[in-house]
């Protein structure tokens, strides 16, 4: 949902969905979901606040690596690479 809202230009609403989902992921201690949500939050910040986006991508990569989820870790690294490339 959040990614669709980002594409639609509704970043504040996307952030609201992510914040809610992040709270749930942390409450149930799902590091994979937390990492995935952090990446999406990074996408929200990508253009307007690159430093925050960078921090979110790095944290997401670390969380994904901690639980051995290579797919989410690669996604975080790819988005980080695009940020640095830009």
N, C-alpha and C. Protein backbone atom coordinates (compact mmCIF):
# COMPACT_ATOMS: atom_id res chain seq x y z
N UNK A 1 0.82 -1.18 0.00
CA UNK A 1 0.00 0.00 0.00
C UNK A 1 0.87 1.26 0.00
N UNK A 2 1.89 1.24 0.84
CA UNK A 2 2.75 2.42 0.95
C UNK A 2 3.45 2.71 -0.37
N UNK A 3 3.91 1.68 -1.05
CA UNK A 3 4.60 1.91 -2.32
C UNK A 3 3.66 2.49 -3.36
N UNK A 4 2.41 2.04 -3.38
CA UNK A 4 1.43 2.60 -4.31
C UNK A 4 1.18 4.07 -3.98
N UNK A 5 1.14 4.39 -2.69
CA UNK A 5 0.92 5.78 -2.28
C UNK A 5 2.12 6.66 -2.66
N UNK A 6 3.32 6.11 -2.58
CA UNK A 6 4.52 6.86 -2.99
C UNK A 6 4.42 7.20 -4.47
N UNK A 7 4.07 6.22 -5.27
CA UNK A 7 3.95 6.42 -6.71
C UNK A 7 2.87 7.45 -7.02
N UNK A 8 1.80 7.44 -6.23
CA UNK A 8 0.70 8.39 -6.42
C UNK A 8 1.02 9.78 -5.87
N UNK A 9 2.22 9.94 -5.29
CA UNK A 9 2.61 11.24 -4.77
C UNK A 9 2.04 11.57 -3.40
N UNK A 10 1.55 10.56 -2.71
CA UNK A 10 0.96 10.78 -1.38
C UNK A 10 1.93 10.29 -0.30
N UNK A 11 3.04 10.97 -0.21
CA UNK A 11 4.11 10.56 0.70
C UNK A 11 3.71 10.58 2.18
N UNK A 12 2.94 11.57 2.58
CA UNK A 12 2.53 11.63 3.99
C UNK A 12 1.66 10.44 4.37
N UNK A 13 0.75 10.08 3.48
CA UNK A 13 -0.11 8.93 3.74
C UNK A 13 0.71 7.63 3.71
N UNK A 14 1.68 7.55 2.81
CA UNK A 14 2.57 6.39 2.75
C UNK A 14 3.36 6.27 4.05
N UNK A 15 3.84 7.40 4.54
CA UNK A 15 4.60 7.41 5.80
C UNK A 15 3.72 6.94 6.96
N UNK A 16 2.45 7.37 6.96
CA UNK A 16 1.54 6.95 8.01
C UNK A 16 1.36 5.43 8.01
N UNK A 17 1.17 4.86 6.82
CA UNK A 17 1.03 3.40 6.72
C UNK A 17 2.30 2.69 7.19
N UNK A 18 3.44 3.23 6.79
CA UNK A 18 4.71 2.62 7.21
C UNK A 18 4.91 2.71 8.71
N UNK A 19 4.62 3.84 9.29
CA UNK A 19 4.78 4.01 10.73
C UNK A 19 3.92 3.00 11.50
N UNK A 20 2.70 2.82 11.02
CA UNK A 20 1.80 1.85 11.66
C UNK A 20 2.34 0.43 11.50
N UNK A 21 2.76 0.09 10.31
CA UNK A 21 3.28 -1.25 10.04
C UNK A 21 4.57 -1.50 10.81
N UNK A 22 5.41 -0.47 10.93
CA UNK A 22 6.67 -0.62 11.67
C UNK A 22 6.40 -0.90 13.14
N UNK A 23 5.41 -0.24 13.70
CA UNK A 23 5.04 -0.50 15.09
C UNK A 23 4.60 -1.94 15.30
N UNK A 24 3.83 -2.45 14.36
CA UNK A 24 3.37 -3.85 14.45
C UNK A 24 4.55 -4.81 14.29
N UNK A 25 5.41 -4.56 13.29
CA UNK A 25 6.56 -5.43 13.06
C UNK A 25 7.45 -5.50 14.30
N UNK A 26 7.65 -4.37 14.94
CA UNK A 26 8.49 -4.36 16.14
C UNK A 26 7.78 -5.03 17.31
N UNK A 27 6.47 -4.86 17.40
CA UNK A 27 5.71 -5.49 18.49
C UNK A 27 5.76 -7.01 18.41
N UNK A 28 5.74 -7.54 17.20
CA UNK A 28 5.78 -9.00 17.03
C UNK A 28 7.20 -9.50 16.79
N UNK A 29 8.15 -8.58 16.85
CA UNK A 29 9.58 -8.88 16.71
C UNK A 29 9.91 -9.59 15.39
N UNK A 30 9.39 -9.01 14.32
CA UNK A 30 9.68 -9.53 12.98
C UNK A 30 10.73 -8.65 12.33
N UNK A 31 11.99 -9.08 12.43
CA UNK A 31 13.09 -8.30 11.87
C UNK A 31 12.98 -8.19 10.35
N UNK A 32 12.48 -9.23 9.70
CA UNK A 32 12.32 -9.18 8.25
C UNK A 32 11.31 -8.12 7.83
N UNK A 33 10.17 -8.11 8.50
CA UNK A 33 9.16 -7.10 8.18
C UNK A 33 9.67 -5.71 8.52
N UNK A 34 10.36 -5.59 9.64
CA UNK A 34 10.92 -4.29 10.03
C UNK A 34 11.88 -3.79 8.95
N UNK A 35 12.77 -4.66 8.49
CA UNK A 35 13.73 -4.27 7.45
C UNK A 35 13.02 -3.84 6.17
N UNK A 36 12.01 -4.60 5.78
CA UNK A 36 11.26 -4.29 4.57
C UNK A 36 10.58 -2.93 4.67
N UNK A 37 10.01 -2.65 5.82
CA UNK A 37 9.33 -1.36 6.03
C UNK A 37 10.34 -0.21 6.06
N UNK A 38 11.49 -0.44 6.65
CA UNK A 38 12.52 0.60 6.69
C UNK A 38 12.96 0.98 5.28
N UNK A 39 13.04 -0.01 4.40
CA UNK A 39 13.38 0.28 3.00
C UNK A 39 12.31 1.16 2.37
N UNK A 40 11.07 0.82 2.60
CA UNK A 40 9.97 1.62 2.04
C UNK A 40 10.00 3.04 2.60
N UNK A 41 10.29 3.18 3.89
CA UNK A 41 10.45 4.52 4.46
C UNK A 41 11.60 5.26 3.78
N UNK A 42 12.66 4.53 3.47
CA UNK A 42 13.77 5.14 2.74
C UNK A 42 13.36 5.66 1.39
N UNK A 43 12.48 4.92 0.72
CA UNK A 43 11.98 5.37 -0.59
C UNK A 43 11.20 6.67 -0.46
N UNK A 44 10.48 6.82 0.64
CA UNK A 44 9.74 8.06 0.87
C UNK A 44 10.70 9.23 1.02
N UNK A 45 11.81 9.02 1.70
CA UNK A 45 12.77 10.08 1.99
C UNK A 45 13.82 10.26 0.89
N UNK A 46 13.89 9.32 -0.03
CA UNK A 46 14.97 9.23 -1.02
C UNK A 46 15.32 10.57 -1.68
N UNK A 47 14.34 11.29 -2.17
CA UNK A 47 14.62 12.53 -2.90
C UNK A 47 14.71 13.76 -2.01
N UNK A 48 13.91 13.81 -0.96
CA UNK A 48 13.85 15.02 -0.15
C UNK A 48 14.84 15.04 1.01
N UNK A 49 15.22 13.87 1.51
CA UNK A 49 16.14 13.80 2.64
C UNK A 49 17.06 12.59 2.47
N UNK A 50 18.05 12.71 1.57
CA UNK A 50 18.92 11.57 1.27
C UNK A 50 19.67 11.02 2.49
N UNK A 51 20.02 11.87 3.43
CA UNK A 51 20.75 11.39 4.61
C UNK A 51 19.87 10.45 5.44
N UNK A 52 18.60 10.81 5.60
CA UNK A 52 17.67 9.93 6.32
C UNK A 52 17.44 8.65 5.55
N UNK A 53 17.27 8.76 4.23
CA UNK A 53 17.08 7.57 3.40
C UNK A 53 18.27 6.63 3.54
N UNK A 54 19.48 7.19 3.49
CA UNK A 54 20.70 6.39 3.63
C UNK A 54 20.70 5.63 4.96
N UNK A 55 20.36 6.33 6.03
CA UNK A 55 20.34 5.70 7.35
C UNK A 55 19.30 4.58 7.40
N UNK A 56 18.14 4.80 6.81
CA UNK A 56 17.09 3.78 6.80
C UNK A 56 17.52 2.56 6.00
N UNK A 57 18.16 2.78 4.84
CA UNK A 57 18.63 1.66 4.02
C UNK A 57 19.70 0.85 4.75
N UNK A 58 20.62 1.54 5.40
CA UNK A 58 21.70 0.84 6.12
C UNK A 58 21.13 0.04 7.29
N UNK A 59 20.22 0.63 8.03
CA UNK A 59 19.60 -0.08 9.15
C UNK A 59 18.82 -1.29 8.65
N UNK A 60 18.10 -1.11 7.54
CA UNK A 60 17.34 -2.23 6.96
C UNK A 60 18.27 -3.34 6.53
N UNK A 61 19.38 -2.98 5.90
CA UNK A 61 20.35 -3.99 5.48
C UNK A 61 20.88 -4.77 6.67
N UNK A 62 21.21 -4.06 7.73
CA UNK A 62 21.72 -4.70 8.94
C UNK A 62 20.69 -5.66 9.54
N UNK A 63 19.45 -5.21 9.62
CA UNK A 63 18.39 -6.06 10.20
C UNK A 63 18.18 -7.31 9.35
N UNK A 64 18.16 -7.14 8.03
CA UNK A 64 17.97 -8.28 7.13
C UNK A 64 19.15 -9.24 7.22
N UNK A 65 20.35 -8.70 7.31
CA UNK A 65 21.55 -9.55 7.43
C UNK A 65 21.53 -10.32 8.75
N UNK A 66 21.07 -9.68 9.81
CA UNK A 66 21.00 -10.34 11.12
C UNK A 66 20.16 -11.61 11.10
N UNK A 67 19.10 -11.60 10.27
CA UNK A 67 18.22 -12.77 10.21
C UNK A 67 18.46 -13.62 8.97
N UNK A 68 19.46 -13.24 8.19
CA UNK A 68 19.83 -14.03 7.03
C UNK A 68 18.87 -13.94 5.85
N UNK A 69 18.17 -12.84 5.70
CA UNK A 69 17.26 -12.68 4.58
C UNK A 69 18.00 -11.94 3.46
N UNK A 70 18.55 -12.72 2.54
CA UNK A 70 19.36 -12.14 1.47
C UNK A 70 18.54 -11.30 0.50
N UNK A 71 17.28 -11.65 0.30
CA UNK A 71 16.43 -10.89 -0.63
C UNK A 71 16.22 -9.46 -0.13
N UNK A 72 15.86 -9.32 1.13
CA UNK A 72 15.62 -7.98 1.69
C UNK A 72 16.95 -7.24 1.82
N UNK A 73 18.00 -7.95 2.19
CA UNK A 73 19.32 -7.32 2.28
C UNK A 73 19.74 -6.76 0.92
N UNK A 74 19.52 -7.54 -0.14
CA UNK A 74 19.88 -7.08 -1.48
C UNK A 74 19.04 -5.88 -1.90
N UNK A 75 17.76 -5.89 -1.54
CA UNK A 75 16.88 -4.76 -1.86
C UNK A 75 17.40 -3.48 -1.19
N UNK A 76 17.79 -3.60 0.07
CA UNK A 76 18.32 -2.43 0.78
C UNK A 76 19.60 -1.93 0.13
N UNK A 77 20.48 -2.86 -0.25
CA UNK A 77 21.73 -2.48 -0.89
C UNK A 77 21.49 -1.85 -2.27
N UNK A 78 20.53 -2.37 -3.00
CA UNK A 78 20.21 -1.81 -4.32
C UNK A 78 19.70 -0.38 -4.19
N UNK A 79 18.77 -0.17 -3.25
CA UNK A 79 18.25 1.18 -3.06
C UNK A 79 19.33 2.13 -2.55
N UNK A 80 20.20 1.63 -1.70
CA UNK A 80 21.33 2.44 -1.23
C UNK A 80 22.25 2.79 -2.40
N UNK A 81 22.50 1.83 -3.26
CA UNK A 81 23.36 2.08 -4.43
C UNK A 81 22.74 3.12 -5.34
N UNK A 82 21.42 3.04 -5.58
CA UNK A 82 20.75 4.04 -6.42
C UNK A 82 20.83 5.42 -5.78
N UNK A 83 20.71 5.47 -4.45
CA UNK A 83 20.82 6.76 -3.76
C UNK A 83 22.22 7.35 -3.98
N UNK A 84 23.24 6.53 -3.79
CA UNK A 84 24.61 7.01 -3.94
C UNK A 84 24.92 7.35 -5.40
N UNK A 85 24.37 6.58 -6.32
CA UNK A 85 24.57 6.85 -7.74
C UNK A 85 23.99 8.19 -8.14
N UNK A 86 22.83 8.50 -7.53
CA UNK A 86 22.15 9.76 -7.86
C UNK A 86 22.86 10.95 -7.30
